[in-house]
């Protein structure tokens, strides 16, 4: 494949992705605005009640889920949940359109540039596109959760100070929404808006715990809801949790410093095959031509890419320490 052909196929792929994004924005703009308005207005009360009931039931409470509550099930429900946790206002249809356009670009490049059979390229493209989209959603969700967890100790301090001043729990949560920043501010503000419009405290906190699906937020939701009903020293509980989160943050920073050399080595080793391949292609373009022109070379190239991907995944998993 010549440089001109590579530019043409890359342009086709970029054009397909651009068309997909344009169609996605046109078709989903009004729906995103409507969803954002409904979310801010707290119209998902039934879901919030159901989330809190399920949460309390999982934690061993006597509150049982209501059988009559209906939630979207199947693949659309799963996609809705993942998109909400990632902080995106897209619909499952828009996400499917994006995957379809990415698959179309992959099929065109694989069929015309590498001579891969279209019947093989289509399912391969669907799988690859879904893996990329799923990975992107996981990264966005993890980043959103990390942002909330990092600001959670300060939020708990504000919450505890409000309770010490004699404010009721809804007003103390409103103080958190006013003084927090970033993702945490948006989540606590949504929680307060739901309570202003009639959602109960357990329902609003259950919605918060379902959007930020971490043990810390679930613990805050359950402890606050139970102690609001039965009484208890909620301030001491919040202070202990804030202290624990700060200690975990220090330990996480220490682990990151200790594994910095390992992560740098993993990054260098991950980039090395691609850098060497680019240098060889620049110095002698015909040297790597059999990998694209010969059927056996294509098989070897795909096997090599799979092996490299497996090695990169293994190195980064070994370098990561969960705290």
Protein backbone atom coordinates (compact mmCIF):
# COMPACT_ATOMS: atom_id res chain seq x y z
CA UNK A 1 0.00 0.00 0.00
CA UNK A 2 1.46 3.33 -1.06
CA UNK A 3 1.45 6.50 1.00
CA UNK A 4 -1.24 8.00 -1.25
CA UNK A 5 -3.52 5.00 -0.70
CA UNK A 6 -2.96 5.20 3.04
CA UNK A 7 -3.95 8.87 3.01
CA UNK A 8 -7.08 8.09 0.97
CA UNK A 9 -8.24 5.29 3.28
CA UNK A 10 -7.46 7.34 6.37
CA UNK A 11 -9.49 10.21 4.90
CA UNK A 12 -12.41 7.84 4.26
CA UNK A 13 -12.28 6.63 7.85
CA UNK A 14 -12.14 10.18 9.25
CA UNK A 15 -15.01 11.23 6.94
CA UNK A 16 -17.17 8.34 8.16
CA UNK A 17 -16.49 9.24 11.78
CA UNK A 18 -17.22 12.92 11.10
CA UNK A 19 -20.53 12.03 9.43
CA UNK A 20 -21.40 9.84 12.40
CA UNK A 21 -20.68 12.60 14.89
CA UNK A 22 -22.64 15.13 12.82
CA UNK A 23 -25.67 12.84 12.58
CA UNK A 24 -25.36 12.05 16.28
CA UNK A 25 -25.39 15.74 17.22
CA UNK A 26 -28.32 16.53 14.92
CA UNK A 27 -30.48 13.60 16.02
CA UNK A 28 -29.69 13.73 19.71
CA UNK A 29 -29.49 17.42 20.50
CA UNK A 30 -33.13 17.90 21.42
CA UNK A 31 -33.21 14.67 23.39
CA UNK A 32 -30.14 15.68 25.39
CA UNK A 33 -31.72 19.02 26.25
CA UNK A 34 -34.94 17.33 27.32
CA UNK A 35 -33.10 14.72 29.40
CA UNK A 36 -31.01 17.39 31.10
CA UNK A 37 -34.15 19.41 31.91
CA UNK A 38 -35.91 16.38 33.31
CA UNK A 39 -32.89 15.36 35.35
CA UNK A 40 -32.57 18.86 36.80
CA UNK A 41 -36.29 18.94 37.53
CA UNK A 42 -36.14 15.63 39.36
CA UNK A 43 -38.69 13.87 37.18
CA UNK A 44 -37.09 10.45 37.74
CA UNK A 45 -38.66 10.03 41.15
CA UNK A 46 -39.76 6.43 40.71
CA UNK A 47 -36.26 5.41 39.67
CA UNK A 48 -34.79 7.25 42.64
CA UNK A 49 -37.19 5.51 45.06
CA UNK A 50 -36.43 2.15 43.49
CA UNK A 51 -32.68 2.75 43.66
CA UNK A 52 -32.79 3.57 47.36
CA UNK A 53 -35.10 0.65 48.18
CA UNK A 54 -32.81 -1.76 46.36
CA UNK A 55 -29.78 -0.20 48.05
CA UNK A 56 -31.27 -0.57 51.53
CA UNK A 57 -32.36 -4.13 50.73
CA UNK A 58 -28.83 -5.03 49.58
CA UNK A 59 -27.41 -3.56 52.79
CA UNK A 60 -29.70 -5.76 54.90
CA UNK A 61 -32.47 -3.28 55.67
CA UNK A 62 -36.07 -4.36 56.12
CA UNK A 63 -37.17 -2.14 53.24
CA UNK A 64 -38.00 -4.31 50.23
CA UNK A 65 -38.05 -3.24 46.59
CA UNK A 66 -41.45 -2.36 45.25
CA UNK A 67 -42.59 -4.94 42.72
CA UNK A 68 -44.54 -2.41 40.70
CA UNK A 69 -41.58 -0.15 39.91
CA UNK A 70 -40.64 -0.37 36.26
CA UNK A 71 -37.21 0.25 34.90
CA UNK A 72 -35.86 -0.03 31.41
CA UNK A 73 -34.36 -3.47 30.96
CA UNK A 74 -32.19 -5.23 28.44
CA UNK A 75 -29.43 -3.70 26.35
CA UNK A 76 -31.06 -0.20 26.10
CA UNK A 77 -31.33 -0.06 29.88
CA UNK A 78 -27.71 -1.13 30.28
CA UNK A 79 -26.55 1.49 27.78
CA UNK A 80 -28.67 4.18 29.47
CA UNK A 81 -27.11 3.32 32.81
CA UNK A 82 -23.55 3.33 31.46
CA UNK A 83 -24.06 6.63 29.62
CA UNK A 84 -25.49 8.24 32.75
CA UNK A 85 -22.61 7.00 34.89
CA UNK A 86 -20.15 8.35 32.32
CA UNK A 87 -21.82 11.76 32.52
CA UNK A 88 -22.90 11.78 28.87
CA UNK A 89 -26.28 12.97 27.62
CA UNK A 90 -26.37 10.57 24.68
CA UNK A 91 -29.13 8.08 23.95
CA UNK A 92 -28.54 4.38 23.17
CA UNK A 93 -29.63 5.03 19.57
CA UNK A 94 -27.01 7.75 19.18
CA UNK A 95 -24.37 5.46 20.64
CA UNK A 96 -25.40 2.67 18.25
CA UNK A 97 -25.13 5.12 15.35
CA UNK A 98 -21.63 6.07 16.44
CA UNK A 99 -20.60 2.41 16.64
CA UNK A 100 -22.12 1.79 13.19
CA UNK A 101 -20.19 4.65 11.60
CA UNK A 102 -16.95 3.52 13.24
CA UNK A 103 -17.61 -0.01 11.98
CA UNK A 104 -18.22 1.31 8.45
CA UNK A 105 -14.90 3.12 8.48
CA UNK A 106 -13.11 0.03 9.80
CA UNK A 107 -14.67 -2.20 7.13
CA UNK A 108 -13.66 0.19 4.33
CA UNK A 109 -10.08 0.42 5.56
CA UNK A 110 -9.77 -3.32 6.24
CA UNK A 111 -11.33 -4.37 2.93
CA UNK A 112 -9.60 -1.93 0.58
CA UNK A 113 -6.29 -1.32 2.35
CA UNK A 114 -5.55 -4.80 3.69
CA UNK A 115 -7.72 -6.96 1.44
CA UNK A 116 -9.67 -8.51 4.32
CA UNK A 117 -12.88 -10.29 3.33
CA UNK A 118 -15.91 -8.07 4.00
CA UNK A 119 -17.79 -10.96 5.66
CA UNK A 120 -14.94 -11.22 8.16
CA UNK A 121 -14.37 -7.46 8.46
CA UNK A 122 -17.98 -6.63 9.44
CA UNK A 123 -18.21 -8.73 12.65
CA UNK A 124 -14.60 -7.89 13.44
CA UNK A 125 -15.38 -4.19 13.03
CA UNK A 126 -18.49 -4.43 15.23
CA UNK A 127 -16.50 -6.15 17.97
CA UNK A 128 -13.63 -3.66 17.74
CA UNK A 129 -15.96 -0.64 17.66
CA UNK A 130 -17.88 -1.90 20.68
CA UNK A 131 -14.65 -2.56 22.58
CA UNK A 132 -13.46 0.97 21.85
CA UNK A 133 -16.78 2.55 22.88
CA UNK A 134 -17.04 0.39 25.99
CA UNK A 135 -13.48 1.25 26.95
CA UNK A 136 -14.14 4.96 26.44
CA UNK A 137 -17.27 4.78 28.63
CA UNK A 138 -15.34 2.93 31.33
CA UNK A 139 -12.59 5.55 31.27
CA UNK A 140 -15.10 8.42 31.50
CA UNK A 141 -16.98 6.68 34.32
CA UNK A 142 -13.78 6.00 36.26
CA UNK A 143 -12.66 9.62 35.79
CA UNK A 144 -16.04 10.89 36.99
CA UNK A 145 -16.01 8.62 40.04
CA UNK A 146 -12.41 9.59 40.84
CA UNK A 147 -13.36 13.27 40.70
CA UNK A 148 -16.19 12.72 43.19
CA UNK A 149 -14.06 10.57 45.53
CA UNK A 150 -11.24 13.13 45.55
CA UNK A 151 -13.60 15.93 46.60
CA UNK A 152 -15.70 13.77 48.94
CA UNK A 153 -13.71 14.47 52.18
CA UNK A 154 -14.30 18.22 51.81
CA UNK A 155 -17.97 17.57 51.02
CA UNK A 156 -18.31 15.45 54.16
CA UNK A 157 -16.65 18.16 56.25
CA UNK A 158 -19.15 20.75 54.99
CA UNK A 159 -22.00 18.28 55.59
CA UNK A 160 -20.83 17.62 59.16
CA UNK A 161 -20.37 21.33 59.91
CA UNK A 162 -23.90 22.02 58.73
CA UNK A 163 -25.26 19.30 61.02
CA UNK A 164 -23.22 20.62 63.97
CA UNK A 165 -24.74 24.06 63.36
CA UNK A 166 -28.18 22.53 63.89
CA UNK A 167 -29.32 22.47 60.28
CA UNK A 168 -31.54 19.60 59.08
CA UNK A 169 -30.08 17.09 56.66
CA UNK A 170 -31.62 18.61 53.47
CA UNK A 171 -30.21 22.06 54.30
CA UNK A 172 -26.81 20.56 55.15
CA UNK A 173 -26.81 18.78 51.78
CA UNK A 174 -27.69 22.10 50.14
CA UNK A 175 -24.58 23.60 51.76
CA UNK A 176 -22.54 20.82 50.18
CA UNK A 177 -24.08 21.56 46.78
CA UNK A 178 -23.19 25.25 47.16
CA UNK A 179 -19.59 24.75 48.30
CA UNK A 180 -18.49 21.65 46.40
CA UNK A 181 -16.88 21.80 42.98
CA UNK A 182 -16.84 19.89 39.73
CA UNK A 183 -18.78 16.65 39.40
CA UNK A 184 -19.58 16.47 43.13
CA UNK A 185 -21.34 19.84 43.01
CA UNK A 186 -23.51 18.75 40.07
CA UNK A 187 -24.45 15.47 41.76
CA UNK A 188 -25.32 16.98 45.14
CA UNK A 189 -27.23 19.79 43.42
CA UNK A 190 -29.30 17.21 41.53
CA UNK A 191 -29.94 15.43 44.83
CA UNK A 192 -31.12 18.67 46.48
CA UNK A 193 -33.30 19.61 43.50
CA UNK A 194 -35.03 16.22 43.67
CA UNK A 195 -35.80 16.72 47.37
CA UNK A 196 -37.22 20.20 46.70
CA UNK A 197 -39.62 18.69 44.18
CA UNK A 198 -40.95 16.04 46.52
CA UNK A 199 -38.52 13.12 46.34
CA UNK A 200 -37.82 11.71 49.79
CA UNK A 201 -34.35 11.81 51.31
CA UNK A 202 -33.79 8.04 50.84
CA UNK A 203 -34.95 8.31 47.23
CA UNK A 204 -32.67 11.24 46.40
CA UNK A 205 -29.65 9.65 48.08
CA UNK A 206 -30.44 6.37 46.35
CA UNK A 207 -30.30 8.15 43.00
CA UNK A 208 -26.94 9.66 43.98
CA UNK A 209 -25.60 6.23 44.95
CA UNK A 210 -26.78 4.71 41.66
CA UNK A 211 -25.08 7.42 39.59
CA UNK A 212 -21.82 7.32 41.58
CA UNK A 213 -21.60 3.59 42.14
CA UNK A 214 -18.89 3.35 44.82
CA UNK A 215 -18.90 1.83 48.33
CA UNK A 216 -18.22 5.24 49.89
CA UNK A 217 -21.25 6.95 48.35
CA UNK A 218 -23.46 3.92 49.04
CA UNK A 219 -22.33 3.99 52.67
CA UNK A 220 -23.13 7.71 52.95
CA UNK A 221 -26.57 7.16 51.41
CA UNK A 222 -27.47 4.25 53.68
CA UNK A 223 -26.04 5.81 56.87
CA UNK A 224 -27.72 9.17 56.27
CA UNK A 225 -31.09 7.62 55.39
CA UNK A 226 -31.14 5.23 58.34
CA UNK A 227 -29.95 7.74 60.92
CA UNK A 228 -32.43 10.33 59.63
CA UNK A 229 -35.21 7.86 60.44
CA UNK A 230 -33.86 6.15 63.57
CA UNK A 231 -31.51 8.79 65.02
CA UNK A 232 -27.83 8.51 65.87
CA UNK A 233 -24.57 10.40 65.72
CA UNK A 234 -24.31 11.04 62.00
CA UNK A 235 -21.64 13.73 62.48
CA UNK A 236 -19.21 11.24 64.00
CA UNK A 237 -19.87 8.80 61.15
CA UNK A 238 -19.16 11.49 58.55
CA UNK A 239 -15.97 12.60 60.33
CA UNK A 240 -14.67 9.03 60.47
CA UNK A 241 -15.41 8.46 56.80
CA UNK A 242 -13.73 11.74 55.80
CA UNK A 243 -10.62 10.79 57.79
CA UNK A 244 -10.57 7.34 56.18
CA UNK A 245 -10.87 8.82 52.69
CA UNK A 246 -7.98 11.20 53.35
CA UNK A 247 -5.77 8.34 54.52
CA UNK A 248 -6.65 6.34 51.43
CA UNK A 249 -5.83 9.34 49.24
CA UNK A 250 -2.38 9.63 50.87
CA UNK A 251 -1.79 5.90 50.41
CA UNK A 252 -2.87 6.12 46.76
CA UNK A 253 -0.41 8.96 46.13
CA UNK A 254 2.37 6.98 47.80
CA UNK A 255 1.59 3.91 45.70
CA UNK A 256 1.62 6.05 42.54
CA UNK A 257 5.05 7.41 43.47
CA UNK A 258 6.43 3.93 44.16
CA UNK A 259 5.14 2.54 40.84
CA UNK A 260 6.15 5.55 38.72
CA UNK A 261 9.24 3.79 37.34
CA UNK A 262 7.22 0.67 36.49
CA UNK A 263 4.57 2.70 34.68
CA UNK A 264 7.20 4.63 32.74
CA UNK A 265 8.86 1.36 31.69
CA UNK A 266 5.47 0.01 30.59
CA UNK A 267 4.82 3.16 28.52
CA UNK A 268 8.23 2.91 26.81
CA UNK A 269 7.83 -0.79 26.06
CA UNK A 270 4.30 -0.19 24.75
CA UNK A 271 5.45 2.51 22.33
CA UNK A 272 8.63 0.72 21.22
CA UNK A 273 7.10 -1.63 18.56
CA UNK A 274 5.22 1.22 16.89
CA UNK A 275 8.21 3.58 16.96
CA UNK A 276 10.51 0.91 15.50
CA UNK A 277 7.93 0.07 12.82
CA UNK A 278 7.59 3.74 11.85
CA UNK A 279 11.37 4.17 11.64
CA UNK A 280 11.72 1.06 9.45
CA UNK A 281 8.90 2.25 7.18
CA UNK A 282 10.55 5.65 6.74
CA UNK A 283 14.00 4.19 6.04
CA UNK A 284 12.86 1.31 3.82
CA UNK A 285 9.15 1.37 2.85
CA UNK A 286 9.34 -1.93 0.93
CA UNK A 287 10.67 -3.86 3.94
CA UNK A 288 7.26 -4.08 5.62
CA UNK A 289 5.26 -4.38 2.38
CA UNK A 290 4.78 -8.20 2.66
CA UNK A 291 2.83 -7.67 5.89
CA UNK A 292 0.14 -5.82 3.90
CA UNK A 293 0.39 -7.50 0.49
CA UNK A 294 0.89 -11.18 1.32
CA UNK A 295 -2.01 -13.09 2.97
CA UNK A 296 0.41 -14.79 5.34
CA UNK A 297 1.86 -11.40 6.21
CA UNK A 298 -1.59 -10.07 7.10
CA UNK A 299 -2.17 -13.00 9.43
CA UNK A 300 1.20 -12.39 11.07
CA UNK A 301 0.45 -8.66 11.37
CA UNK A 302 -2.90 -9.31 13.05
CA UNK A 303 -1.34 -11.89 15.37
CA UNK A 304 1.44 -9.45 16.23
CA UNK A 305 -1.02 -6.66 17.00
CA UNK A 306 -3.05 -8.98 19.22
CA UNK A 307 0.12 -10.07 21.03
CA UNK A 308 1.23 -6.46 21.52
CA UNK A 309 -2.22 -5.51 22.84
CA UNK A 310 -2.12 -8.41 25.30
CA UNK A 311 1.35 -7.41 26.46
CA UNK A 312 0.34 -3.78 26.96
CA UNK A 313 -2.74 -4.81 28.95
CA UNK A 314 -0.69 -7.17 31.13
CA UNK A 315 1.99 -4.56 31.86
CA UNK A 316 -0.49 -1.89 32.87
CA UNK A 317 -2.45 -4.30 35.03
CA UNK A 318 0.76 -5.31 36.81
CA UNK A 319 1.74 -1.66 37.32
CA UNK A 320 -1.63 -0.68 38.79
CA UNK A 321 -2.23 -0.92 42.53
CA UNK A 322 -5.81 -0.67 43.76
CA UNK A 323 -6.06 1.19 47.06
